[in-house]
Amino acid sequence: MHVLVFALVAVLFIAEQAHGTEKDAEAALKAWAEAYDAQKSAAVYAQDARLWGTVSQKQTVGRDAIRGYFDAGKTLKARHVEIGDHACRAFETVAVCSGHYTFQRTPQEGAPQNDPARFSMTIVKREGRWEIADHHSSLLPAQR
């Protein structure tokens, strides 16, 4: 009987840990969206992160290079990203988030533009901090 109770408590503890991890992954994703500019966005990536940016022809590697990628948008009057339908799944110290988001960009002159895109992010927990290790983003193709 004691073994059964212990096993049940262990299962509930593990389930709670996984649930908390998914909340942490969601928080990291939200932090990325809220920080959508060069300095702040780069700060949520791991030092050795890799980014396949929405408007890049090649993969951007490392936090400093990622900062440069996001810095290209500093000529915009305003920019924002809205996370849409998505899911985060947790696996101990790694989480995978994927889904849709919409980039809202306003040039210095002209009307705001909305660019719907899709993404996947691998988020890892290192030294107690959740960081984006791998991020792929691409514009949604036109509907057929």
C-alpha atoms as a PDB file:
ATOM      1  CA  MET A   1       0.000   0.000   0.000  1.00  0.00           C
ATOM      2  CA  HIS A   2       2.798   2.427   0.913  1.00  0.00           C
ATOM      3  CA  VAL A   3       4.501   1.709  -2.403  1.00  0.00           C
ATOM      4  CA  LEU A   4       1.282   2.501  -4.273  1.00  0.00           C
ATOM      5  CA  VAL A   5       0.862   5.800  -2.402  1.00  0.00           C
ATOM      6  CA  PHE A   6       4.514   6.706  -3.022  1.00  0.00           C
ATOM      7  CA  ALA A   7       4.156   5.887  -6.731  1.00  0.00           C
ATOM      8  CA  LEU A   8       1.016   8.026  -6.983  1.00  0.00           C
ATOM      9  CA  VAL A   9       2.736  10.964  -5.262  1.00  0.00           C
ATOM     10  CA  ALA A  10       5.754  10.575  -7.578  1.00  0.00           C
ATOM     11  CA  VAL A  11       3.535  10.573 -10.684  1.00  0.00           C
ATOM     12  CA  LEU A  12       1.687  13.670  -9.502  1.00  0.00           C
ATOM     13  CA  PHE A  13       4.983  15.425  -8.742  1.00  0.00           C
ATOM     14  CA  ILE A  14       6.381  14.599 -12.188  1.00  0.00           C
ATOM     15  CA  ALA A  15       3.141  15.729 -13.850  1.00  0.00           C
ATOM     16  CA  GLU A  16       3.269  19.022 -11.941  1.00  0.00           C
ATOM     17  CA  GLN A  17       6.931  19.518 -12.906  1.00  0.00           C
ATOM     18  CA  ALA A  18       6.104  18.997 -16.590  1.00  0.00           C
ATOM     19  CA  HIS A  19       3.144  21.368 -16.363  1.00  0.00           C
ATOM     20  CA  GLY A  20       5.337  24.025 -14.777  1.00  0.00           C
ATOM     21  CA  THR A  21       7.901  23.538 -17.522  1.00  0.00           C
ATOM     22  CA  GLU A  22       5.275  24.186 -20.183  1.00  0.00           C
ATOM     23  CA  LYS A  23       4.309  27.354 -18.331  1.00  0.00           C
ATOM     24  CA  ASP A  24       7.976  28.373 -18.348  1.00  0.00           C
ATOM     25  CA  ALA A  25       8.207  27.708 -22.083  1.00  0.00           C
ATOM     26  CA  GLU A  26       5.061  29.795 -22.635  1.00  0.00           C
ATOM     27  CA  ALA A  27       6.636  32.566 -20.539  1.00  0.00           C
ATOM     28  CA  ALA A  28       9.823  32.449 -22.666  1.00  0.00           C
ATOM     29  CA  LEU A  29       7.750  32.655 -25.856  1.00  0.00           C
ATOM     30  CA  LYS A  30       5.775  35.576 -24.450  1.00  0.00           C
ATOM     31  CA  ALA A  31       9.005  37.321 -23.381  1.00  0.00           C
ATOM     32  CA  TRP A  32      10.334  36.975 -26.937  1.00  0.00           C
ATOM     33  CA  ALA A  33       7.155  38.513 -28.380  1.00  0.00           C
ATOM     34  CA  GLU A  34       7.111  41.367 -25.871  1.00  0.00           C
ATOM     35  CA  ALA A  35      10.795  42.104 -26.489  1.00  0.00           C
ATOM     36  CA  TYR A  36      10.506  42.229 -30.273  1.00  0.00           C
ATOM     37  CA  ASP A  37      13.472  44.504 -30.986  1.00  0.00           C
ATOM     38  CA  ALA A  38      17.233  44.013 -31.445  1.00  0.00           C
ATOM     39  CA  GLN A  39      18.574  44.246 -27.899  1.00  0.00           C
ATOM     40  CA  LYS A  40      15.687  42.697 -26.027  1.00  0.00           C
ATOM     41  CA  SER A  41      14.923  39.963 -28.570  1.00  0.00           C
ATOM     42  CA  ALA A  42      18.531  38.806 -28.716  1.00  0.00           C
ATOM     43  CA  ALA A  43      18.678  38.600 -24.928  1.00  0.00           C
ATOM     44  CA  VAL A  44      16.170  35.715 -24.831  1.00  0.00           C
ATOM     45  CA  TYR A  45      18.305  33.579 -27.182  1.00  0.00           C
ATOM     46  CA  ALA A  46      21.055  31.239 -26.026  1.00  0.00           C
ATOM     47  CA  GLN A  47      24.600  32.406 -26.726  1.00  0.00           C
ATOM     48  CA  ASP A  48      24.946  29.661 -29.370  1.00  0.00           C
ATOM     49  CA  ALA A  49      21.393  29.923 -30.758  1.00  0.00           C
ATOM     50  CA  ARG A  50      20.469  29.419 -34.394  1.00  0.00           C
ATOM     51  CA  LEU A  51      17.772  31.451 -36.172  1.00  0.00           C
ATOM     52  CA  TRP A  52      16.196  30.858 -39.568  1.00  0.00           C
ATOM     53  CA  GLY A  53      14.666  34.325 -39.800  1.00  0.00           C
ATOM     54  CA  THR A  54      11.526  35.097 -41.751  1.00  0.00           C
ATOM     55  CA  VAL A  55      13.350  37.460 -44.116  1.00  0.00           C
ATOM     56  CA  SER A  56      16.780  35.821 -44.147  1.00  0.00           C
ATOM     57  CA  GLN A  57      18.379  33.774 -46.928  1.00  0.00           C
ATOM     58  CA  LYS A  58      20.690  32.017 -44.453  1.00  0.00           C
ATOM     59  CA  GLN A  59      20.746  30.832 -40.885  1.00  0.00           C
ATOM     60  CA  THR A  60      21.884  33.352 -38.280  1.00  0.00           C
ATOM     61  CA  VAL A  61      24.146  31.805 -35.643  1.00  0.00           C
ATOM     62  CA  GLY A  62      24.941  33.212 -32.198  1.00  0.00           C
ATOM     63  CA  ARG A  63      23.316  35.839 -30.002  1.00  0.00           C
ATOM     64  CA  ASP A  64      25.376  38.721 -31.439  1.00  0.00           C
ATOM     65  CA  ALA A  65      24.468  37.800 -35.026  1.00  0.00           C
ATOM     66  CA  ILE A  66      20.815  37.430 -34.002  1.00  0.00           C
ATOM     67  CA  ARG A  67      20.962  40.911 -32.480  1.00  0.00           C
ATOM     68  CA  GLY A  68      22.189  42.133 -35.888  1.00  0.00           C
ATOM     69  CA  TYR A  69      19.333  40.332 -37.642  1.00  0.00           C
ATOM     70  CA  PHE A  70      16.718  42.044 -35.464  1.00  0.00           C
ATOM     71  CA  ASP A  71      18.623  45.344 -35.646  1.00  0.00           C
ATOM     72  CA  ALA A  72      17.772  45.527 -39.351  1.00  0.00           C
ATOM     73  CA  GLY A  73      14.224  46.462 -38.316  1.00  0.00           C
ATOM     74  CA  LYS A  74      15.319  49.606 -36.475  1.00  0.00           C
ATOM     75  CA  THR A  75      14.439  51.686 -39.534  1.00  0.00           C
ATOM     76  CA  LEU A  76      10.772  50.854 -38.994  1.00  0.00           C
ATOM     77  CA  LYS A  77       8.504  53.386 -37.349  1.00  0.00           C
ATOM     78  CA  ALA A  78       6.917  50.591 -35.282  1.00  0.00           C
ATOM     79  CA  ARG A  79       6.947  46.807 -35.058  1.00  0.00           C
ATOM     80  CA  HIS A  80       5.050  44.252 -33.053  1.00  0.00           C
ATOM     81  CA  VAL A  81       4.436  40.525 -33.145  1.00  0.00           C
ATOM     82  CA  GLU A  82       1.187  38.887 -32.071  1.00  0.00           C
ATOM     83  CA  ILE A  83       1.365  35.203 -31.138  1.00  0.00           C
ATOM     84  CA  GLY A  84      -1.586  33.257 -32.519  1.00  0.00           C
ATOM     85  CA  ASP A  85      -2.586  29.606 -32.343  1.00  0.00           C
ATOM     86  CA  HIS A  86       0.342  27.637 -30.926  1.00  0.00           C
ATOM     87  CA  ALA A  87       1.364  24.896 -28.542  1.00  0.00           C
ATOM     88  CA  CYS A  88       4.321  24.292 -26.241  1.00  0.00           C
ATOM     89  CA  ARG A  89       5.364  20.793 -25.236  1.00  0.00           C
ATOM     90  CA  ALA A  90       7.858  20.222 -22.447  1.00  0.00           C
ATOM     91  CA  PHE A  91      10.464  17.505 -22.045  1.00  0.00           C
ATOM     92  CA  GLU A  92      12.275  18.138 -18.727  1.00  0.00           C
ATOM     93  CA  THR A  93      14.809  20.878 -19.616  1.00  0.00           C
ATOM     94  CA  VAL A  94      13.749  21.272 -23.249  1.00  0.00           C
ATOM     95  CA  ALA A  95      10.510  22.596 -24.697  1.00  0.00           C
ATOM     96  CA  VAL A  96       9.277  22.918 -28.250  1.00  0.00           C
ATOM     97  CA  CYS A  97       6.818  25.650 -29.201  1.00  0.00           C
ATOM     98  CA  SER A  98       5.283  25.917 -32.643  1.00  0.00           C
ATOM     99  CA  GLY A  99       2.415  27.778 -34.212  1.00  0.00           C
ATOM    100  CA  HIS A 100       1.419  30.979 -35.944  1.00  0.00           C
ATOM    101  CA  TYR A 101       2.240  34.609 -35.362  1.00  0.00           C
ATOM    102  CA  THR A 102       1.670  37.842 -37.227  1.00  0.00           C
ATOM    103  CA  PHE A 103       4.312  40.490 -37.657  1.00  0.00           C
ATOM    104  CA  GLN A 104       2.964  44.023 -37.712  1.00  0.00           C
ATOM    105  CA  ARG A 105       5.478  46.424 -39.236  1.00  0.00           C
ATOM    106  CA  THR A 106       5.028  50.126 -39.913  1.00  0.00           C
ATOM    107  CA  PRO A 107       7.573  51.744 -42.220  1.00  0.00           C
ATOM    108  CA  GLN A 108       8.666  55.345 -41.636  1.00  0.00           C
ATOM    109  CA  GLU A 109       6.344  56.318 -44.461  1.00  0.00           C
ATOM    110  CA  GLY A 110       3.349  54.282 -45.483  1.00  0.00           C
ATOM    111  CA  ALA A 111       0.711  52.056 -44.012  1.00  0.00           C
ATOM    112  CA  PRO A 112       1.286  49.277 -41.488  1.00  0.00           C
ATOM    113  CA  GLN A 113       1.863  45.822 -42.955  1.00  0.00           C
ATOM    114  CA  ASN A 114       0.707  42.533 -41.466  1.00  0.00           C
ATOM    115  CA  ASP A 115       2.745  39.453 -42.333  1.00  0.00           C
ATOM    116  CA  PRO A 116       1.284  36.169 -41.070  1.00  0.00           C
ATOM    117  CA  ALA A 117       3.986  33.588 -40.416  1.00  0.00           C
ATOM    118  CA  ARG A 118       4.601  30.239 -38.755  1.00  0.00           C
ATOM    119  CA  PHE A 119       7.302  29.297 -36.315  1.00  0.00           C
ATOM    120  CA  SER A 120       8.954  26.599 -34.300  1.00  0.00           C
ATOM    121  CA  MET A 121      11.254  27.236 -31.346  1.00  0.00           C
ATOM    122  CA  THR A 122      13.336  24.913 -29.256  1.00  0.00           C
ATOM    123  CA  ILE A 123      13.678  26.426 -25.791  1.00  0.00           C
ATOM    124  CA  VAL A 124      16.208  25.014 -23.329  1.00  0.00           C
ATOM    125  CA  LYS A 125      16.711  25.503 -19.619  1.00  0.00           C
ATOM    126  CA  ARG A 126      20.328  26.286 -18.783  1.00  0.00           C
ATOM    127  CA  GLU A 127      21.471  27.346 -15.339  1.00  0.00           C
ATOM    128  CA  GLY A 128      17.881  27.994 -14.281  1.00  0.00           C
ATOM    129  CA  ARG A 129      17.078  30.234 -17.279  1.00  0.00           C
ATOM    130  CA  TRP A 130      14.928  29.386 -20.303  1.00  0.00           C
ATOM    131  CA  GLU A 131      16.560  30.446 -23.601  1.00  0.00           C
ATOM    132  CA  ILE A 132      15.702  29.983 -27.261  1.00  0.00           C
ATOM    133  CA  ALA A 133      18.250  27.575 -28.760  1.00  0.00           C
ATOM    134  CA  ASP A 134      16.742  27.145 -32.211  1.00  0.00           C
ATOM    135  CA  HIS A 135      14.110  29.230 -34.002  1.00  0.00           C
ATOM    136  CA  HIS A 136      12.634  28.779 -37.460  1.00  0.00           C
ATOM    137  CA  SER A 137      10.212  31.317 -38.915  1.00  0.00           C
ATOM    138  CA  SER A 138       8.654  31.521 -42.355  1.00  0.00           C
ATOM    139  CA  LEU A 139       5.858  33.494 -43.958  1.00  0.00           C
ATOM    140  CA  LEU A 140       2.631  31.611 -44.508  1.00  0.00           C
ATOM    141  CA  PRO A 141       2.220  30.642 -48.133  1.00  0.00           C
ATOM    142  CA  ALA A 142      -0.766  31.960 -50.061  1.00  0.00           C
ATOM    143  CA  GLN A 143      -3.837  29.754 -49.779  1.00  0.00           C
ATOM    144  CA  ARG A 144      -4.468  27.513 -52.755  1.00  0.00           C
END
